[in-house]
Amino acid sequence: MHFVVCIKQVPDTMDITINPETNTLQRDGVASIINPFDMYAIEEAIRLREKLGGQVTALSMGPPQAESALREAISMGVDNAVLLSDRAFIGSDTWATSYTLATAIRKLGDYSVILCGKQAADGDTAQVGPGIAEHLDLPQITYVRKIEKMTPDLIVAQRMLEEGVEVLEAELPCVLTVVKEINKPRLPSLKNIMNARKAPITHWQAKDLACDTSKLGLEGSLTKVLTVFSPPPRSSGEVMTGEADQIVHALVDKIKEAIITAAL
């Protein structure tokens, strides 16, 4: 079986800057880590390979520095790694990103399960995994907290909801997005870390994917960020003192006044 895990490198800081021309995150020169939710996807892919056999391929799209994230995935036990890096990919929204990843997965071929973290820490959209499923016309199970059963043709998984758990069955190949409740990511051994430094990583550009270039990057993105700004700081408010019933009456009067003002 072939397990493909999609990972993303995200800034390891809250001190980020925005490119004023594209209104996208400025990633060059910023300390980065593997998206925390993707660590659980990596671990689950490795566990499935250990149980069912096969291989695990880590796939990432990003600048050349994203190679370090793939090497970390290799140190955890991933067999192969592919980096999609090209200026044509810059500025991709979730739709263009999922299209690019799906095209690369199609090029890999012979995939059984595609795993993603439930969302990226820098975007929080949770749209790339479902987008990959849409582009590849595959079934998907999102927010997976436990895989109950898997055969070469079928998967049964628990899907975490706000008020319970839903058990779903899907045919393979399929796309899974996983939550942190699914496992505990392993720590790589020193030997694996050293081996990962020398491991080969495949690099693909847009020309290698035989894709529609009009669907890539900023041009191929269906959503556009028009402006980025910080909200104004909240005022300290008003402190009301006195007896409880007096405060309640005064507060009600202020609410009525605010409603009347807003209606005018």
Protein backbone atom coordinates (compact mmCIF):
# COMPACT_ATOMS: atom_id res chain seq x y z
CA MET A 1 0.00 0.00 0.00
CA HIS A 2 1.14 3.54 -0.68
CA PHE A 3 0.41 6.18 1.95
CA VAL A 4 0.91 9.79 0.86
CA VAL A 5 1.09 12.36 3.65
CA CYS A 6 0.84 16.06 2.75
CA ILE A 7 2.74 18.35 5.09
CA LYS A 8 3.26 22.08 5.28
CA GLN A 9 6.02 24.17 6.79
CA VAL A 10 4.62 27.03 8.89
CA PRO A 11 6.26 29.95 10.74
CA ASP A 12 7.55 29.04 14.20
CA THR A 13 6.62 32.47 15.52
CA MET A 14 3.74 34.90 15.87
CA ASP A 15 6.00 37.71 14.63
CA ILE A 16 5.15 37.38 10.94
CA THR A 17 5.11 39.92 8.15
CA ILE A 18 2.86 40.35 5.13
CA ASN A 19 4.09 40.88 1.58
CA PRO A 20 2.59 44.30 0.72
CA GLU A 21 2.28 43.41 -2.98
CA THR A 22 0.54 40.03 -2.68
CA ASN A 23 -0.97 40.30 0.84
CA THR A 24 0.41 36.84 1.59
CA LEU A 25 2.67 35.63 4.40
CA GLN A 26 6.35 36.46 4.02
CA ARG A 27 8.08 33.12 4.62
CA ASP A 28 11.64 33.68 3.43
CA GLY A 29 14.10 33.91 6.31
CA VAL A 30 11.47 33.06 8.94
CA ALA A 31 12.14 30.17 11.34
CA SER A 32 9.73 27.39 10.45
CA ILE A 33 8.44 24.02 11.69
CA ILE A 34 6.21 21.26 10.38
CA ASN A 35 2.58 22.24 10.85
CA PRO A 36 1.76 20.63 14.25
CA PHE A 37 -1.39 18.89 12.96
CA ASP A 38 0.63 17.34 10.11
CA MET A 39 2.84 15.58 12.65
CA TYR A 40 -0.13 13.38 13.56
CA ALA A 41 -0.72 12.62 9.88
CA ILE A 42 2.92 11.57 9.48
CA GLU A 43 2.73 9.32 12.54
CA GLU A 44 -0.51 7.69 11.41
CA ALA A 45 0.87 7.03 7.91
CA ILE A 46 3.93 5.32 9.43
CA ARG A 47 1.76 3.24 11.76
CA LEU A 48 -0.42 2.11 8.86
CA ARG A 49 2.67 1.08 6.88
CA GLU A 50 4.02 -0.83 9.88
CA LYS A 51 0.72 -2.67 10.20
CA LEU A 52 -0.22 -3.22 6.55
CA GLY A 53 3.09 -2.92 4.68
CA GLY A 54 3.93 -0.66 1.77
CA GLN A 55 5.59 2.74 1.73
CA VAL A 56 5.04 6.30 2.93
CA THR A 57 5.72 9.36 0.77
CA ALA A 58 5.78 12.85 2.28
CA LEU A 59 4.72 15.64 -0.07
CA SER A 60 5.12 19.36 0.55
CA MET A 61 4.72 22.55 -1.45
CA GLY A 62 6.79 25.56 -0.49
CA PRO A 63 10.09 27.44 -0.84
CA PRO A 64 13.41 25.55 -0.93
CA GLN A 65 13.71 25.82 2.86
CA ALA A 66 10.71 23.46 3.17
CA GLU A 67 13.18 20.66 2.44
CA SER A 68 14.05 20.70 6.15
CA ALA A 69 10.47 19.73 7.02
CA LEU A 70 10.67 16.77 4.65
CA ARG A 71 13.96 15.66 6.21
CA GLU A 72 12.31 15.74 9.63
CA ALA A 73 9.52 13.55 8.25
CA ILE A 74 12.14 11.13 6.91
CA SER A 75 13.80 11.02 10.34
CA MET A 76 10.46 9.90 11.79
CA GLY A 77 10.27 6.99 9.34
CA VAL A 78 8.91 8.28 6.02
CA ASP A 79 10.33 6.38 3.03
CA ASN A 80 10.26 9.02 0.28
CA ALA A 81 9.92 12.79 0.09
CA VAL A 82 8.86 15.16 -2.69
CA LEU A 83 9.14 18.95 -2.62
CA LEU A 84 7.07 21.09 -4.97
CA SER A 85 8.92 24.37 -5.28
CA ASP A 86 8.50 26.91 -8.06
CA ARG A 87 7.85 30.63 -8.25
CA ALA A 88 4.71 29.70 -10.18
CA PHE A 89 3.24 28.36 -6.90
CA ILE A 90 3.74 31.59 -4.94
CA GLY A 91 0.56 33.18 -3.59
CA SER A 92 -1.60 30.04 -3.90
CA ASP A 93 -4.83 30.03 -1.94
CA THR A 94 -6.27 26.77 -0.61
CA TRP A 95 -7.88 25.91 -3.96
CA ALA A 96 -4.70 26.44 -5.98
CA THR A 97 -2.65 24.65 -3.30
CA SER A 98 -4.92 21.60 -3.30
CA TYR A 99 -4.89 21.56 -7.11
CA THR A 100 -1.08 21.58 -7.19
CA LEU A 101 -0.80 18.85 -4.53
CA ALA A 102 -3.45 16.74 -6.27
CA THR A 103 -1.58 17.01 -9.57
CA ALA A 104 1.62 15.83 -7.86
CA ILE A 105 -0.21 12.94 -6.18
CA ARG A 106 -1.63 11.92 -9.54
CA LYS A 107 1.94 11.92 -10.90
CA LEU A 108 3.05 9.70 -8.00
CA GLY A 109 0.30 7.23 -8.90
CA ASP A 110 -0.72 4.02 -7.15
CA TYR A 111 -1.76 5.78 -3.94
CA SER A 112 -3.95 4.04 -1.34
CA VAL A 113 -4.54 6.69 1.33
CA ILE A 114 -3.76 10.41 1.35
CA LEU A 115 -3.37 11.87 4.84
CA CYS A 116 -3.34 15.51 5.94
CA GLY A 117 -3.47 17.32 9.24
CA LYS A 118 -6.94 18.72 9.90
CA GLN A 119 -5.74 22.28 9.22
CA ALA A 120 -2.66 24.48 9.00
CA ALA A 121 -1.62 26.55 11.99
CA ASP A 122 -1.03 29.65 9.86
CA GLY A 123 -4.28 29.54 7.89
CA ASP A 124 -6.78 27.52 9.95
CA THR A 125 -9.03 26.97 6.91
CA ALA A 126 -9.10 23.12 6.96
CA GLN A 127 -9.75 23.26 3.21
CA VAL A 128 -6.68 21.75 1.55
CA GLY A 129 -7.43 18.11 2.42
CA PRO A 130 -11.03 18.28 1.13
CA GLY A 131 -9.75 20.23 -1.88
CA ILE A 132 -7.35 17.40 -2.76
CA ALA A 133 -10.24 14.92 -2.54
CA GLU A 134 -12.30 17.11 -4.88
CA HIS A 135 -9.54 17.48 -7.47
CA LEU A 136 -8.84 13.72 -7.45
CA ASP A 137 -12.54 12.79 -7.24
CA LEU A 138 -11.93 10.66 -4.14
CA PRO A 139 -14.03 9.96 -1.03
CA GLN A 140 -12.89 11.77 2.11
CA ILE A 141 -13.21 11.43 5.87
CA THR A 142 -12.29 14.56 7.83
CA TYR A 143 -11.39 15.02 11.51
CA VAL A 144 -10.42 11.36 11.90
CA ARG A 145 -9.64 10.42 15.50
CA LYS A 146 -9.29 6.65 15.06
CA ILE A 147 -8.99 4.17 12.23
CA GLU A 148 -10.98 1.12 13.25
CA LYS A 149 -10.31 -1.04 10.20
CA MET A 150 -8.38 -0.90 6.95
CA THR A 151 -8.02 -3.39 4.14
CA PRO A 152 -6.56 -2.87 0.64
CA ASP A 153 -10.05 -1.85 -0.49
CA LEU A 154 -11.84 -0.38 2.53
CA ILE A 155 -11.46 1.86 5.57
CA VAL A 156 -13.64 2.34 8.64
CA ALA A 157 -12.80 5.41 10.72
CA GLN A 158 -14.15 7.45 13.62
CA ARG A 159 -14.80 11.08 12.76
CA MET A 160 -14.72 13.52 15.66
CA LEU A 161 -17.67 15.89 15.96
CA GLU A 162 -18.36 18.65 18.46
CA GLU A 163 -20.87 16.50 20.35
CA GLY A 164 -19.78 12.94 19.67
CA VAL A 165 -18.22 10.57 17.17
CA GLU A 166 -19.38 9.49 13.72
CA VAL A 167 -18.22 6.16 12.26
CA LEU A 168 -17.81 6.22 8.48
CA GLU A 169 -16.83 3.66 5.87
CA ALA A 170 -15.14 4.53 2.58
CA GLU A 171 -13.56 2.77 -0.34
CA LEU A 172 -9.88 3.15 -1.06
CA PRO A 173 -8.19 5.21 -2.29
CA CYS A 174 -9.46 8.05 -0.11
CA VAL A 175 -8.36 11.23 1.66
CA LEU A 176 -8.17 11.53 5.45
CA THR A 177 -7.63 14.61 7.59
CA VAL A 178 -6.65 13.73 11.15
CA VAL A 179 -6.92 15.37 14.56
CA LYS A 180 -4.43 15.27 17.41
CA GLU A 181 -6.47 12.69 19.31
CA ILE A 182 -5.49 10.00 16.78
CA ASN A 183 -1.98 9.28 18.12
CA LYS A 184 1.18 10.62 19.73
CA PRO A 185 3.94 11.42 17.21
CA ARG A 186 7.19 9.55 17.81
CA LEU A 187 10.55 11.15 18.47
CA PRO A 188 13.15 10.25 15.84
CA SER A 189 16.29 8.46 16.91
CA LEU A 190 19.69 10.10 16.51
CA LYS A 191 20.57 7.52 13.85
CA ASN A 192 17.46 8.36 11.83
CA ILE A 193 18.15 12.08 12.14
CA MET A 194 21.67 11.58 10.77
CA ASN A 195 20.40 9.36 7.93
CA ALA A 196 17.71 11.91 7.04
CA ARG A 197 20.38 14.55 6.39
CA LYS A 198 21.73 12.48 3.49
CA ALA A 199 18.44 11.11 2.20
CA PRO A 200 17.52 12.03 -1.40
CA ILE A 201 14.57 14.36 -1.88
CA THR A 202 12.76 14.63 -5.19
CA HIS A 203 12.17 18.18 -6.45
CA TRP A 204 9.36 18.98 -8.86
CA GLN A 205 8.56 22.26 -10.55
CA ALA A 206 5.41 23.28 -12.39
CA LYS A 207 6.83 21.97 -15.68
CA ASP A 208 7.23 18.51 -14.12
CA LEU A 209 3.56 18.20 -13.20
CA ALA A 210 1.97 18.56 -16.64
CA CYS A 211 -0.69 20.78 -15.07
CA ASP A 212 -2.77 23.74 -16.16
CA THR A 213 -0.51 26.67 -15.26
CA SER A 214 -3.49 29.05 -15.18
CA LYS A 215 -4.63 27.24 -12.02
CA LEU A 216 -1.37 27.80 -10.14
CA GLY A 217 -0.22 30.44 -7.70
CA LEU A 218 -1.78 33.86 -7.30
CA GLU A 219 -3.27 33.83 -10.81
CA GLY A 220 -4.98 30.48 -10.26
CA SER A 221 -6.36 31.35 -6.82
CA LEU A 222 -10.12 31.80 -6.60
CA THR A 223 -9.87 33.98 -3.49
CA LYS A 224 -8.00 37.27 -3.27
CA VAL A 225 -6.84 39.11 -0.15
CA LEU A 226 -7.65 42.77 -0.84
CA THR A 227 -6.14 44.22 2.31
CA VAL A 228 -4.61 43.17 5.61
CA PHE A 229 -4.89 45.24 8.77
CA SER A 230 -4.85 44.97 12.54
CA PRO A 231 -8.15 45.67 14.31
CA PRO A 232 -8.22 48.79 16.50
CA PRO A 233 -7.41 48.16 20.16
CA ARG A 234 -10.39 47.65 22.41
CA SER A 235 -11.19 50.44 24.82
CA SER A 236 -10.94 49.79 28.52
CA GLY A 237 -14.71 50.23 28.90
CA GLU A 238 -16.53 51.87 31.78
CA VAL A 239 -16.40 50.79 35.39
CA MET A 240 -19.77 51.03 37.12
CA THR A 241 -19.99 51.22 40.89
CA GLY A 242 -22.82 51.21 43.39
CA GLU A 243 -25.46 48.79 44.54
CA ALA A 244 -26.29 45.85 42.29
CA ASP A 245 -29.81 47.06 41.44
CA GLN A 246 -28.49 50.54 40.61
CA ILE A 247 -25.83 49.10 38.30
CA VAL A 248 -28.43 46.93 36.53
CA HIS A 249 -30.76 49.90 35.91
CA ALA A 250 -27.87 52.06 34.70
CA LEU A 251 -26.65 49.30 32.37
CA VAL A 252 -30.15 48.80 30.91
CA ASP A 253 -30.43 52.55 30.26
CA LYS A 254 -27.08 52.54 28.43
CA ILE A 255 -28.13 49.56 26.27
CA LYS A 256 -31.40 51.31 25.36
CA GLU A 257 -29.48 54.48 24.51
CA ALA A 258 -27.06 52.51 22.31
CA ILE A 259 -29.93 50.82 20.47
CA ILE A 260 -31.69 54.14 19.82
CA THR A 261 -28.43 55.73 18.61
CA ALA A 262 -27.74 52.83 16.26
CA ALA A 263 -31.27 53.06 14.81
CA LEU A 264 -31.00 56.76 13.97
